[in-house]
């Protein structure tokens, strides 16, 4: 039985809590949050011990794994402390804020031998898993063009509004847009070049970004925005044009349109269907269940974490950071 210490009991911590509760072979035995009421909510679900801070949990809890669901600017310090304490680690995305933090994380992992997975959940979201498998098998030939979009209303659930402080989140580009940039890398590798444009709020912070990535034989556009009105529905879509067909995932579901005509509706069978009553912009545990089950199963089996390892999470931060730098920074001063 894998024993988990969960640090951060807000929106994402609550999501992880619900997933662990549905997965066999794991038990959340310790939780920490600076907000006692949040820690108590999650602790009640698991019968877990409550610690006042993440540092206290890392120092004192009898756990095998530290799961970090804190604001991005707190990831690196807690992950380094956890690895040095001999724990394996799950870190929510984006894994870190800067290149220097990325280097420190990799150095610490090498020093300690810790297994570390990053919460780049789209790599394990069912429709995206299907797409990855289809492209790897070359069922429809090579990719020629692709468009990925992730659009949301204004997120208000962040603790002390940290999502809207550039020094703490890196802006929408690093927090939301990174999902699709990371998946693009997972699907196609590293691009040759990029061109970005961004829209900003009245304080100069990026709220929407459009980037075109050039590959040797393909072009990919990725758009992210979290500045739409409150009643605007969250959407995550893709359109991938291959040599033999175009693959679309939108509000109508996943569909393949072969060049010769017709439409194919691939059957997606989720590994787990569970409702999310935690809030945010998601109604199902979806890929969060998939990624944490993978994490738990691999650790229990003594197998390495290969789908979303630390080094990959850091490379995606580096690529998004290039986008941000090319438009003048996360926030104009």
C-alpha atoms as a PDB file:
ATOM      1  CA  UNK A   1       0.000   0.000   0.000  1.00  0.00           C
ATOM      2  CA  UNK A   2       1.486   3.288  -1.149  1.00  0.00           C
ATOM      3  CA  UNK A   3       1.232   5.990   1.513  1.00  0.00           C
ATOM      4  CA  UNK A   4       0.745   9.525   0.198  1.00  0.00           C
ATOM      5  CA  UNK A   5       1.245  12.902   1.817  1.00  0.00           C
ATOM      6  CA  UNK A   6      -0.875  15.485  -0.018  1.00  0.00           C
ATOM      7  CA  UNK A   7       0.299  19.094   0.200  1.00  0.00           C
ATOM      8  CA  UNK A   8      -2.304  21.638  -0.900  1.00  0.00           C
ATOM      9  CA  UNK A   9      -5.999  20.893  -0.392  1.00  0.00           C
ATOM     10  CA  UNK A  10      -7.604  23.458  -2.675  1.00  0.00           C
ATOM     11  CA  UNK A  11      -9.134  22.825  -6.094  1.00  0.00           C
ATOM     12  CA  UNK A  12      -6.388  20.577  -7.474  1.00  0.00           C
ATOM     13  CA  UNK A  13      -5.639  18.942  -4.144  1.00  0.00           C
ATOM     14  CA  UNK A  14      -9.322  18.100  -3.828  1.00  0.00           C
ATOM     15  CA  UNK A  15      -9.240  16.599  -7.325  1.00  0.00           C
ATOM     16  CA  UNK A  16      -6.266  14.425  -6.403  1.00  0.00           C
ATOM     17  CA  UNK A  17      -7.958  13.413  -3.157  1.00  0.00           C
ATOM     18  CA  UNK A  18     -11.034  12.207  -5.061  1.00  0.00           C
ATOM     19  CA  UNK A  19      -8.850  10.231  -7.473  1.00  0.00           C
ATOM     20  CA  UNK A  20      -6.824   8.545  -4.738  1.00  0.00           C
ATOM     21  CA  UNK A  21     -10.073   7.588  -3.031  1.00  0.00           C
ATOM     22  CA  UNK A  22     -11.051   5.683  -6.192  1.00  0.00           C
ATOM     23  CA  UNK A  23      -7.688   3.955  -6.792  1.00  0.00           C
ATOM     24  CA  UNK A  24      -6.637   0.687  -5.183  1.00  0.00           C
ATOM     25  CA  UNK A  25      -3.186   0.274  -3.670  1.00  0.00           C
ATOM     26  CA  UNK A  26      -2.866   3.787  -2.278  1.00  0.00           C
ATOM     27  CA  UNK A  27      -3.878   5.677   0.851  1.00  0.00           C
ATOM     28  CA  UNK A  28      -3.641   9.368   1.640  1.00  0.00           C
ATOM     29  CA  UNK A  29      -2.338   9.284   5.212  1.00  0.00           C
ATOM     30  CA  UNK A  30      -1.236  12.892   5.660  1.00  0.00           C
ATOM     31  CA  UNK A  31      -2.411  16.262   4.353  1.00  0.00           C
ATOM     32  CA  UNK A  32      -1.243  19.844   4.720  1.00  0.00           C
ATOM     33  CA  UNK A  33      -2.703  23.246   3.930  1.00  0.00           C
ATOM     34  CA  UNK A  34      -2.219  26.658   5.495  1.00  0.00           C
ATOM     35  CA  UNK A  35      -6.028  26.881   5.552  1.00  0.00           C
ATOM     36  CA  UNK A  36      -7.114  24.505   8.347  1.00  0.00           C
ATOM     37  CA  UNK A  37     -10.642  24.156   6.996  1.00  0.00           C
ATOM     38  CA  UNK A  38      -9.360  22.924   3.623  1.00  0.00           C
ATOM     39  CA  UNK A  39      -7.020  20.413   5.254  1.00  0.00           C
ATOM     40  CA  UNK A  40      -9.856  19.133   7.439  1.00  0.00           C
ATOM     41  CA  UNK A  41     -12.158  18.604   4.434  1.00  0.00           C
ATOM     42  CA  UNK A  42      -9.648  16.350   2.699  1.00  0.00           C
ATOM     43  CA  UNK A  43      -8.411  14.645   5.875  1.00  0.00           C
ATOM     44  CA  UNK A  44     -11.949  13.496   6.720  1.00  0.00           C
ATOM     45  CA  UNK A  45     -12.202  11.611   3.426  1.00  0.00           C
ATOM     46  CA  UNK A  46      -9.125   9.517   4.159  1.00  0.00           C
ATOM     47  CA  UNK A  47      -8.738   9.579   7.939  1.00  0.00           C
ATOM     48  CA  UNK A  48      -5.459  11.386   7.359  1.00  0.00           C
ATOM     49  CA  UNK A  49      -3.192  13.222   9.791  1.00  0.00           C
ATOM     50  CA  UNK A  50      -3.204  17.008   9.350  1.00  0.00           C
ATOM     51  CA  UNK A  51      -0.048  19.112   9.237  1.00  0.00           C
ATOM     52  CA  UNK A  52      -0.082  22.899   9.320  1.00  0.00           C
ATOM     53  CA  UNK A  53       2.394  23.314   6.465  1.00  0.00           C
ATOM     54  CA  UNK A  54       3.944  21.317   3.662  1.00  0.00           C
ATOM     55  CA  UNK A  55       7.372  21.622   5.267  1.00  0.00           C
ATOM     56  CA  UNK A  56       6.054  20.015   8.456  1.00  0.00           C
ATOM     57  CA  UNK A  57       4.494  17.164   6.507  1.00  0.00           C
ATOM     58  CA  UNK A  58       7.701  16.474   4.558  1.00  0.00           C
ATOM     59  CA  UNK A  59       9.775  16.532   7.728  1.00  0.00           C
ATOM     60  CA  UNK A  60       7.530  14.351   9.894  1.00  0.00           C
ATOM     61  CA  UNK A  61       4.945  12.289   7.983  1.00  0.00           C
ATOM     62  CA  UNK A  62       5.404   8.542   7.478  1.00  0.00           C
ATOM     63  CA  UNK A  63       4.759   8.484   3.727  1.00  0.00           C
ATOM     64  CA  UNK A  64       6.226   7.001   0.546  1.00  0.00           C
ATOM     65  CA  UNK A  65       5.105   9.787  -1.769  1.00  0.00           C
ATOM     66  CA  UNK A  66       4.693  13.538  -1.590  1.00  0.00           C
ATOM     67  CA  UNK A  67       1.991  14.944  -3.889  1.00  0.00           C
ATOM     68  CA  UNK A  68       2.427  18.697  -4.398  1.00  0.00           C
ATOM     69  CA  UNK A  69      -0.719  20.627  -5.352  1.00  0.00           C
ATOM     70  CA  UNK A  70       0.526  24.074  -4.382  1.00  0.00           C
ATOM     71  CA  UNK A  71       0.720  27.292  -6.392  1.00  0.00           C
ATOM     72  CA  UNK A  72       3.481  27.077  -8.993  1.00  0.00           C
ATOM     73  CA  UNK A  73       5.931  29.391  -7.231  1.00  0.00           C
ATOM     74  CA  UNK A  74       6.018  26.964  -4.275  1.00  0.00           C
ATOM     75  CA  UNK A  75       6.649  23.786  -6.284  1.00  0.00           C
ATOM     76  CA  UNK A  76      10.425  23.697  -6.441  1.00  0.00           C
ATOM     77  CA  UNK A  77      11.228  24.249  -2.765  1.00  0.00           C
ATOM     78  CA  UNK A  78       8.784  21.569  -1.645  1.00  0.00           C
ATOM     79  CA  UNK A  79       9.828  19.092  -4.331  1.00  0.00           C
ATOM     80  CA  UNK A  80      13.527  19.488  -3.499  1.00  0.00           C
ATOM     81  CA  UNK A  81      12.822  18.995   0.227  1.00  0.00           C
ATOM     82  CA  UNK A  82      10.705  15.913  -0.497  1.00  0.00           C
ATOM     83  CA  UNK A  83      13.341  14.304  -2.729  1.00  0.00           C
ATOM     84  CA  UNK A  84      16.069  14.980  -0.175  1.00  0.00           C
ATOM     85  CA  UNK A  85      13.854  13.302   2.424  1.00  0.00           C
ATOM     86  CA  UNK A  86      13.886  10.164   0.277  1.00  0.00           C
ATOM     87  CA  UNK A  87      10.370  10.462  -1.112  1.00  0.00           C
ATOM     88  CA  UNK A  88       9.040   9.941  -4.610  1.00  0.00           C
ATOM     89  CA  UNK A  89       7.139  12.977  -5.839  1.00  0.00           C
ATOM     90  CA  UNK A  90       4.149  13.986  -7.920  1.00  0.00           C
ATOM     91  CA  UNK A  91       4.194  17.691  -8.861  1.00  0.00           C
ATOM     92  CA  UNK A  92       1.320  19.513 -10.481  1.00  0.00           C
ATOM     93  CA  UNK A  93       2.005  21.421 -13.667  1.00  0.00           C
ATOM     94  CA  UNK A  94       3.744  23.607 -14.519  1.00  0.00           C
ATOM     95  CA  UNK A  95       6.522  21.887 -12.650  1.00  0.00           C
ATOM     96  CA  UNK A  96       8.500  25.102 -12.039  1.00  0.00           C
ATOM     97  CA  UNK A  97       8.791  28.777 -12.934  1.00  0.00           C
ATOM     98  CA  UNK A  98      12.335  29.260 -14.236  1.00  0.00           C
ATOM     99  CA  UNK A  99      15.255  27.547 -15.937  1.00  0.00           C
ATOM    100  CA  UNK A 100      17.227  27.790 -12.691  1.00  0.00           C
ATOM    101  CA  UNK A 101      14.495  25.964 -10.788  1.00  0.00           C
ATOM    102  CA  UNK A 102      14.418  23.295 -13.482  1.00  0.00           C
ATOM    103  CA  UNK A 103      18.159  22.715 -13.159  1.00  0.00           C
ATOM    104  CA  UNK A 104      17.876  22.436  -9.367  1.00  0.00           C
ATOM    105  CA  UNK A 105      15.070  19.893  -9.653  1.00  0.00           C
ATOM    106  CA  UNK A 106      17.022  17.739 -12.116  1.00  0.00           C
ATOM    107  CA  UNK A 107      20.185  17.937 -10.017  1.00  0.00           C
ATOM    108  CA  UNK A 108      18.271  16.922  -6.912  1.00  0.00           C
ATOM    109  CA  UNK A 109      16.611  14.023  -8.689  1.00  0.00           C
ATOM    110  CA  UNK A 110      19.994  12.786  -9.920  1.00  0.00           C
ATOM    111  CA  UNK A 111      21.435  13.129  -6.428  1.00  0.00           C
ATOM    112  CA  UNK A 112      18.576  11.321  -4.674  1.00  0.00           C
ATOM    113  CA  UNK A 113      17.302   8.864  -7.285  1.00  0.00           C
ATOM    114  CA  UNK A 114      13.717   9.934  -6.622  1.00  0.00           C
ATOM    115  CA  UNK A 115      10.985   9.110  -9.090  1.00  0.00           C
ATOM    116  CA  UNK A 116       9.127  12.263 -10.113  1.00  0.00           C
ATOM    117  CA  UNK A 117       6.004  12.642 -12.251  1.00  0.00           C
ATOM    118  CA  UNK A 118       4.630  15.968 -13.473  1.00  0.00           C
ATOM    119  CA  UNK A 119       0.884  16.565 -13.762  1.00  0.00           C
ATOM    120  CA  UNK A 120       0.858  17.171 -17.512  1.00  0.00           C
ATOM    121  CA  UNK A 121      -2.503  15.475 -17.497  1.00  0.00           C
ATOM    122  CA  UNK A 122      -3.383  15.907 -21.178  1.00  0.00           C
ATOM    123  CA  UNK A 123      -0.884  13.171 -22.018  1.00  0.00           C
ATOM    124  CA  UNK A 124      -3.309  10.824 -20.250  1.00  0.00           C
ATOM    125  CA  UNK A 125      -6.660  12.347 -21.226  1.00  0.00           C
ATOM    126  CA  UNK A 126      -8.599   9.690 -23.164  1.00  0.00           C
ATOM    127  CA  UNK A 127      -9.144  11.518 -26.481  1.00  0.00           C
ATOM    128  CA  UNK A 128      -5.544  12.704 -26.542  1.00  0.00           C
ATOM    129  CA  UNK A 129      -4.290   9.208 -25.709  1.00  0.00           C
ATOM    130  CA  UNK A 130      -6.254   7.931 -28.702  1.00  0.00           C
ATOM    131  CA  UNK A 131      -4.737  10.616 -30.936  1.00  0.00           C
ATOM    132  CA  UNK A 132      -1.203   9.843 -29.778  1.00  0.00           C
ATOM    133  CA  UNK A 133      -1.671   6.145 -30.508  1.00  0.00           C
ATOM    134  CA  UNK A 134      -3.172   6.815 -33.954  1.00  0.00           C
ATOM    135  CA  UNK A 135      -0.318   9.153 -34.928  1.00  0.00           C
ATOM    136  CA  UNK A 136       2.376   6.816 -33.599  1.00  0.00           C
ATOM    137  CA  UNK A 137       0.884   3.968 -35.666  1.00  0.00           C
ATOM    138  CA  UNK A 138       0.698   6.275 -38.713  1.00  0.00           C
ATOM    139  CA  UNK A 139      -2.883   5.119 -39.299  1.00  0.00           C
ATOM    140  CA  UNK A 140      -3.641   8.302 -41.236  1.00  0.00           C
ATOM    141  CA  UNK A 141      -0.146   9.200 -42.372  1.00  0.00           C
ATOM    142  CA  UNK A 142       2.012  12.064 -41.194  1.00  0.00           C
ATOM    143  CA  UNK A 143       0.681  15.261 -39.610  1.00  0.00           C
ATOM    144  CA  UNK A 144       0.552  18.233 -41.978  1.00  0.00           C
ATOM    145  CA  UNK A 145      -1.158  20.862 -39.792  1.00  0.00           C
ATOM    146  CA  UNK A 146      -2.703  20.940 -36.334  1.00  0.00           C
ATOM    147  CA  UNK A 147      -4.628  23.354 -34.143  1.00  0.00           C
ATOM    148  CA  UNK A 148      -4.967  22.989 -30.369  1.00  0.00           C
ATOM    149  CA  UNK A 149      -7.185  25.305 -28.304  1.00  0.00           C
ATOM    150  CA  UNK A 150      -7.864  25.614 -24.569  1.00  0.00           C
ATOM    151  CA  UNK A 151     -10.356  28.342 -23.671  1.00  0.00           C
ATOM    152  CA  UNK A 152     -11.781  29.201 -20.266  1.00  0.00           C
ATOM    153  CA  UNK A 153     -13.659  31.813 -18.345  1.00  0.00           C
ATOM    154  CA  UNK A 154     -11.700  33.859 -15.819  1.00  0.00           C
ATOM    155  CA  UNK A 155     -10.428  31.513 -13.056  1.00  0.00           C
ATOM    156  CA  UNK A 156     -11.404  32.776  -9.620  1.00  0.00           C
ATOM    157  CA  UNK A 157     -10.638  29.729  -7.480  1.00  0.00           C
ATOM    158  CA  UNK A 158      -6.926  30.363  -6.856  1.00  0.00           C
ATOM    159  CA  UNK A 159      -5.825  30.903  -3.253  1.00  0.00           C
ATOM    160  CA  UNK A 160      -5.236  34.628  -2.661  1.00  0.00           C
ATOM    161  CA  UNK A 161      -5.720  35.158  -6.426  1.00  0.00           C
ATOM    162  CA  UNK A 162      -2.239  33.723  -7.084  1.00  0.00           C
ATOM    163  CA  UNK A 163      -3.120  32.704 -10.645  1.00  0.00           C
ATOM    164  CA  UNK A 164      -3.333  36.380 -11.621  1.00  0.00           C
ATOM    165  CA  UNK A 165       0.042  37.374 -10.175  1.00  0.00           C
ATOM    166  CA  UNK A 166       2.693  36.926 -12.841  1.00  0.00           C
ATOM    167  CA  UNK A 167       5.495  36.235 -10.357  1.00  0.00           C
ATOM    168  CA  UNK A 168       3.483  33.360  -8.870  1.00  0.00           C
ATOM    169  CA  UNK A 169       1.851  31.704 -11.892  1.00  0.00           C
ATOM    170  CA  UNK A 170       3.773  32.900 -14.923  1.00  0.00           C
ATOM    171  CA  UNK A 171       0.454  34.030 -16.399  1.00  0.00           C
ATOM    172  CA  UNK A 172      -2.138  32.072 -18.365  1.00  0.00           C
ATOM    173  CA  UNK A 173       0.588  31.060 -20.795  1.00  0.00           C
ATOM    174  CA  UNK A 174       2.534  29.029 -18.254  1.00  0.00           C
ATOM    175  CA  UNK A 175      -0.442  27.794 -16.247  1.00  0.00           C
ATOM    176  CA  UNK A 176      -3.082  26.899 -18.888  1.00  0.00           C
ATOM    177  CA  UNK A 177      -1.504  27.100 -22.339  1.00  0.00           C
ATOM    178  CA  UNK A 178       1.315  24.742 -21.276  1.00  0.00           C
ATOM    179  CA  UNK A 179      -1.134  21.818 -21.383  1.00  0.00           C
ATOM    180  CA  UNK A 180      -1.358  21.910 -25.176  1.00  0.00           C
ATOM    181  CA  UNK A 181       2.256  22.889 -25.757  1.00  0.00           C
ATOM    182  CA  UNK A 182       3.322  19.909 -23.682  1.00  0.00           C
ATOM    183  CA  UNK A 183       1.016  17.573 -25.586  1.00  0.00           C
ATOM    184  CA  UNK A 184       2.263  18.943 -28.908  1.00  0.00           C
ATOM    185  CA  UNK A 185       5.803  18.084 -27.826  1.00  0.00           C
ATOM    186  CA  UNK A 186       4.661  14.633 -26.707  1.00  0.00           C
ATOM    187  CA  UNK A 187       2.990  14.081 -30.064  1.00  0.00           C
ATOM    188  CA  UNK A 188       5.536  15.637 -32.438  1.00  0.00           C
ATOM    189  CA  UNK A 189       8.777  16.382 -30.644  1.00  0.00           C
ATOM    190  CA  UNK A 190      10.555  19.729 -30.517  1.00  0.00           C
ATOM    191  CA  UNK A 191       9.594  22.454 -33.033  1.00  0.00           C
ATOM    192  CA  UNK A 192      12.144  24.246 -35.184  1.00  0.00           C
ATOM    193  CA  UNK A 193      10.803  27.742 -34.462  1.00  0.00           C
ATOM    194  CA  UNK A 194       7.855  29.689 -33.091  1.00  0.00           C
ATOM    195  CA  UNK A 195       5.991  32.956 -33.555  1.00  0.00           C
ATOM    196  CA  UNK A 196       3.747  34.203 -30.732  1.00  0.00           C
ATOM    197  CA  UNK A 197       1.299  37.032 -30.213  1.00  0.00           C
ATOM    198  CA  UNK A 198      -0.535  37.835 -27.001  1.00  0.00           C
ATOM    199  CA  UNK A 199      -3.426  39.851 -25.629  1.00  0.00           C
ATOM    200  CA  UNK A 200      -3.044  41.392 -22.185  1.00  0.00           C
ATOM    201  CA  UNK A 201      -5.265  42.779 -19.437  1.00  0.00           C
ATOM    202  CA  UNK A 202      -5.208  46.350 -18.137  1.00  0.00           C
ATOM    203  CA  UNK A 203      -2.256  45.440 -15.910  1.00  0.00           C
ATOM    204  CA  UNK A 204      -0.189  44.152 -18.811  1.00  0.00           C
ATOM    205  CA  UNK A 205      -0.516  40.451 -17.903  1.00  0.00           C
ATOM    206  CA  UNK A 206      -0.947  37.851 -20.665  1.00  0.00           C
ATOM    207  CA  UNK A 207      -4.530  36.587 -20.768  1.00  0.00           C
ATOM    208  CA  UNK A 208      -4.546  35.057 -24.261  1.00  0.00           C
ATOM    209  CA  UNK A 209      -1.786  33.728 -26.460  1.00  0.00           C
ATOM    210  CA  UNK A 210      -1.559  32.449 -30.041  1.00  0.00           C
ATOM    211  CA  UNK A 211       1.577  30.620 -31.125  1.00  0.00           C
ATOM    212  CA  UNK A 212       2.494  29.035 -34.441  1.00  0.00           C
ATOM    213  CA  UNK A 213       5.146  26.329 -34.217  1.00  0.00           C
ATOM    214  CA  UNK A 214       7.085  25.253 -37.312  1.00  0.00           C
ATOM    215  CA  UNK A 215       8.160  21.630 -37.784  1.00  0.00           C
ATOM    216  CA  UNK A 216      10.143  20.287 -40.761  1.00  0.00           C
ATOM    217  CA  UNK A 217       6.978  19.110 -42.541  1.00  0.00           C
ATOM    218  CA  UNK A 218       4.149  20.515 -40.427  1.00  0.00           C
ATOM    219  CA  UNK A 219       2.728  23.671 -38.881  1.00  0.00           C
ATOM    220  CA  UNK A 220       0.937  23.742 -35.518  1.00  0.00           C
ATOM    221  CA  UNK A 221      -1.047  26.577 -33.954  1.00  0.00           C
ATOM    222  CA  UNK A 222      -1.797  26.563 -30.217  1.00  0.00           C
ATOM    223  CA  UNK A 223      -4.211  29.039 -28.608  1.00  0.00           C
ATOM    224  CA  UNK A 224      -4.908  29.503 -24.924  1.00  0.00           C
ATOM    225  CA  UNK A 225      -7.133  31.975 -23.093  1.00  0.00           C
ATOM    226  CA  UNK A 226      -8.709  32.279 -19.657  1.00  0.00           C
ATOM    227  CA  UNK A 227     -10.182  35.753 -19.982  1.00  0.00           C
ATOM    228  CA  UNK A 228     -13.659  34.962 -21.300  1.00  0.00           C
ATOM    229  CA  UNK A 229     -16.881  35.947 -19.451  1.00  0.00           C
ATOM    230  CA  UNK A 230     -18.101  33.940 -16.452  1.00  0.00           C
ATOM    231  CA  UNK A 231     -20.762  32.074 -18.436  1.00  0.00           C
ATOM    232  CA  UNK A 232     -18.433  31.173 -21.295  1.00  0.00           C
ATOM    233  CA  UNK A 233     -18.093  27.366 -21.388  1.00  0.00           C
ATOM    234  CA  UNK A 234     -14.681  25.787 -20.939  1.00  0.00           C
ATOM    235  CA  UNK A 235     -13.452  24.043 -24.063  1.00  0.00           C
ATOM    236  CA  UNK A 236     -10.387  21.999 -25.001  1.00  0.00           C
ATOM    237  CA  UNK A 237     -10.262  21.035 -28.659  1.00  0.00           C
ATOM    238  CA  UNK A 238      -7.952  19.894 -31.418  1.00  0.00           C
ATOM    239  CA  UNK A 239      -7.999  19.581 -35.199  1.00  0.00           C
ATOM    240  CA  UNK A 240      -5.214  17.543 -36.762  1.00  0.00           C
ATOM    241  CA  UNK A 241      -4.899  17.301 -40.544  1.00  0.00           C
ATOM    242  CA  UNK A 242      -2.952  14.240 -41.646  1.00  0.00           C
ATOM    243  CA  UNK A 243      -2.036  12.891 -45.072  1.00  0.00           C
ATOM    244  CA  UNK A 244      -5.071  10.579 -45.210  1.00  0.00           C
ATOM    245  CA  UNK A 245      -7.637  12.138 -42.856  1.00  0.00           C
ATOM    246  CA  UNK A 246      -8.485  15.001 -40.528  1.00  0.00           C
ATOM    247  CA  UNK A 247      -9.037  14.230 -36.835  1.00  0.00           C
ATOM    248  CA  UNK A 248     -11.242  16.550 -34.782  1.00  0.00           C
ATOM    249  CA  UNK A 249     -12.112  16.664 -31.099  1.00  0.00           C
ATOM    250  CA  UNK A 250     -14.640  19.333 -30.109  1.00  0.00           C
ATOM    251  CA  UNK A 251     -18.050  19.722 -28.463  1.00  0.00           C
ATOM    252  CA  UNK A 252     -19.389  17.033 -30.810  1.00  0.00           C
ATOM    253  CA  UNK A 253     -16.809  14.520 -29.648  1.00  0.00           C
ATOM    254  CA  UNK A 254     -13.931  12.778 -31.365  1.00  0.00           C
ATOM    255  CA  UNK A 255     -14.276  12.196 -35.118  1.00  0.00           C
ATOM    256  CA  UNK A 256     -12.106  11.164 -38.062  1.00  0.00           C
ATOM    257  CA  UNK A 257     -12.861  12.485 -41.558  1.00  0.00           C
ATOM    258  CA  UNK A 258     -11.050  10.335 -44.151  1.00  0.00           C
ATOM    259  CA  UNK A 259      -9.973  12.061 -47.372  1.00  0.00           C
ATOM    260  CA  UNK A 260     -12.132   9.685 -49.417  1.00  0.00           C
ATOM    261  CA  UNK A 261     -15.253  10.770 -47.536  1.00  0.00           C
ATOM    262  CA  UNK A 262     -17.416   9.708 -44.619  1.00  0.00           C
ATOM    263  CA  UNK A 263     -16.842  10.027 -40.887  1.00  0.00           C
ATOM    264  CA  UNK A 264     -15.514   7.610 -38.269  1.00  0.00           C
ATOM    265  CA  UNK A 265     -16.459   7.981 -34.608  1.00  0.00           C
ATOM    266  CA  UNK A 266     -13.801   6.221 -32.520  1.00  0.00           C
ATOM    267  CA  UNK A 267     -15.175   4.593 -29.383  1.00  0.00           C
ATOM    268  CA  UNK A 268     -13.549   5.982 -26.260  1.00  0.00           C
ATOM    269  CA  UNK A 269     -13.918   3.873 -23.130  1.00  0.00           C
ATOM    270  CA  UNK A 270     -12.788   5.859 -20.082  1.00  0.00           C
ATOM    271  CA  UNK A 271     -10.911   3.807 -17.504  1.00  0.00           C
ATOM    272  CA  UNK A 272     -12.974   5.490 -14.795  1.00  0.00           C
ATOM    273  CA  UNK A 273     -16.006   7.754 -14.731  1.00  0.00           C
ATOM    274  CA  UNK A 274     -16.427   9.850 -11.613  1.00  0.00           C
ATOM    275  CA  UNK A 275     -18.047  13.175 -10.940  1.00  0.00           C
ATOM    276  CA  UNK A 276     -16.122  16.198  -9.747  1.00  0.00           C
ATOM    277  CA  UNK A 277     -17.964  18.322  -7.189  1.00  0.00           C
ATOM    278  CA  UNK A 278     -14.861  20.317  -6.335  1.00  0.00           C
ATOM    279  CA  UNK A 279     -15.401  23.194  -8.727  1.00  0.00           C
ATOM    280  CA  UNK A 280     -13.167  24.704 -11.375  1.00  0.00           C
ATOM    281  CA  UNK A 281     -14.000  24.098 -15.017  1.00  0.00           C
ATOM    282  CA  UNK A 282     -14.182  20.297 -15.109  1.00  0.00           C
ATOM    283  CA  UNK A 283     -17.113  17.968 -14.466  1.00  0.00           C
ATOM    284  CA  UNK A 284     -15.243  14.650 -14.453  1.00  0.00           C
ATOM    285  CA  UNK A 285     -12.089  13.232 -12.871  1.00  0.00           C
ATOM    286  CA  UNK A 286     -11.113  12.112 -16.382  1.00  0.00           C
ATOM    287  CA  UNK A 287      -7.397  12.203 -17.049  1.00  0.00           C
ATOM    288  CA  UNK A 288      -6.610  13.091 -13.428  1.00  0.00           C
ATOM    289  CA  UNK A 289      -7.675   9.585 -12.472  1.00  0.00           C
ATOM    290  CA  UNK A 290      -5.645   8.119 -15.345  1.00  0.00           C
ATOM    291  CA  UNK A 291      -2.424   9.912 -14.452  1.00  0.00           C
ATOM    292  CA  UNK A 292      -2.602   9.177 -10.731  1.00  0.00           C
ATOM    293  CA  UNK A 293      -3.500   5.532 -11.303  1.00  0.00           C
ATOM    294  CA  UNK A 294      -0.501   5.274 -13.623  1.00  0.00           C
ATOM    295  CA  UNK A 295       1.663   6.934 -10.955  1.00  0.00           C
ATOM    296  CA  UNK A 296       0.444   4.601  -8.201  1.00  0.00           C
ATOM    297  CA  UNK A 297       0.595   1.430 -10.285  1.00  0.00           C
ATOM    298  CA  UNK A 298       4.115   2.101 -11.564  1.00  0.00           C
ATOM    299  CA  UNK A 299       5.483   2.873  -8.115  1.00  0.00           C
ATOM    300  CA  UNK A 300       3.802  -0.160  -6.550  1.00  0.00           C
ATOM    301  CA  UNK A 301       5.287  -2.331  -9.313  1.00  0.00           C
ATOM    302  CA  UNK A 302       8.744  -0.789  -8.913  1.00  0.00           C
ATOM    303  CA  UNK A 303       8.683   0.456 -12.506  1.00  0.00           C
ATOM    304  CA  UNK A 304       9.983   3.805 -13.802  1.00  0.00           C
ATOM    305  CA  UNK A 305       7.693   6.734 -14.608  1.00  0.00           C
ATOM    306  CA  UNK A 306       8.044   7.356 -18.339  1.00  0.00           C
ATOM    307  CA  UNK A 307       4.911   9.113 -19.658  1.00  0.00           C
ATOM    308  CA  UNK A 308       5.288  12.483 -17.923  1.00  0.00           C
ATOM    309  CA  UNK A 309       8.636  12.443 -16.095  1.00  0.00           C
ATOM    310  CA  UNK A 310      10.361  15.428 -14.529  1.00  0.00           C
ATOM    311  CA  UNK A 311      12.671  16.134 -17.470  1.00  0.00           C
ATOM    312  CA  UNK A 312       9.720  16.338 -19.871  1.00  0.00           C
ATOM    313  CA  UNK A 313       7.818  18.735 -17.628  1.00  0.00           C
ATOM    314  CA  UNK A 314      10.841  20.996 -17.491  1.00  0.00           C
ATOM    315  CA  UNK A 315      11.275  20.983 -21.276  1.00  0.00           C
ATOM    316  CA  UNK A 316       7.680  22.136 -21.683  1.00  0.00           C
ATOM    317  CA  UNK A 317       8.267  24.977 -19.221  1.00  0.00           C
ATOM    318  CA  UNK A 318      11.325  25.972 -21.250  1.00  0.00           C
ATOM    319  CA  UNK A 319       9.366  26.073 -24.508  1.00  0.00           C
ATOM    320  CA  UNK A 320       6.490  28.115 -23.074  1.00  0.00           C
ATOM    321  CA  UNK A 321       9.043  30.423 -21.483  1.00  0.00           C
ATOM    322  CA  UNK A 322      10.432  31.085 -24.982  1.00  0.00           C
ATOM    323  CA  UNK A 323       6.936  32.044 -26.124  1.00  0.00           C
ATOM    324  CA  UNK A 324       6.498  34.378 -23.162  1.00  0.00           C
ATOM    325  CA  UNK A 325       9.883  35.993 -23.697  1.00  0.00           C
ATOM    326  CA  UNK A 326       9.162  36.501 -27.406  1.00  0.00           C
ATOM    327  CA  UNK A 327       6.121  38.678 -26.613  1.00  0.00           C
ATOM    328  CA  UNK A 328       7.865  40.740 -23.957  1.00  0.00           C
ATOM    329  CA  UNK A 329       7.291  38.788 -20.749  1.00  0.00           C
ATOM    330  CA  UNK A 330       4.366  37.482 -18.699  1.00  0.00           C
ATOM    331  CA  UNK A 331       3.544  41.011 -17.580  1.00  0.00           C
ATOM    332  CA  UNK A 332       4.577  44.318 -19.092  1.00  0.00           C
ATOM    333  CA  UNK A 333       5.982  46.668 -16.506  1.00  0.00           C
END
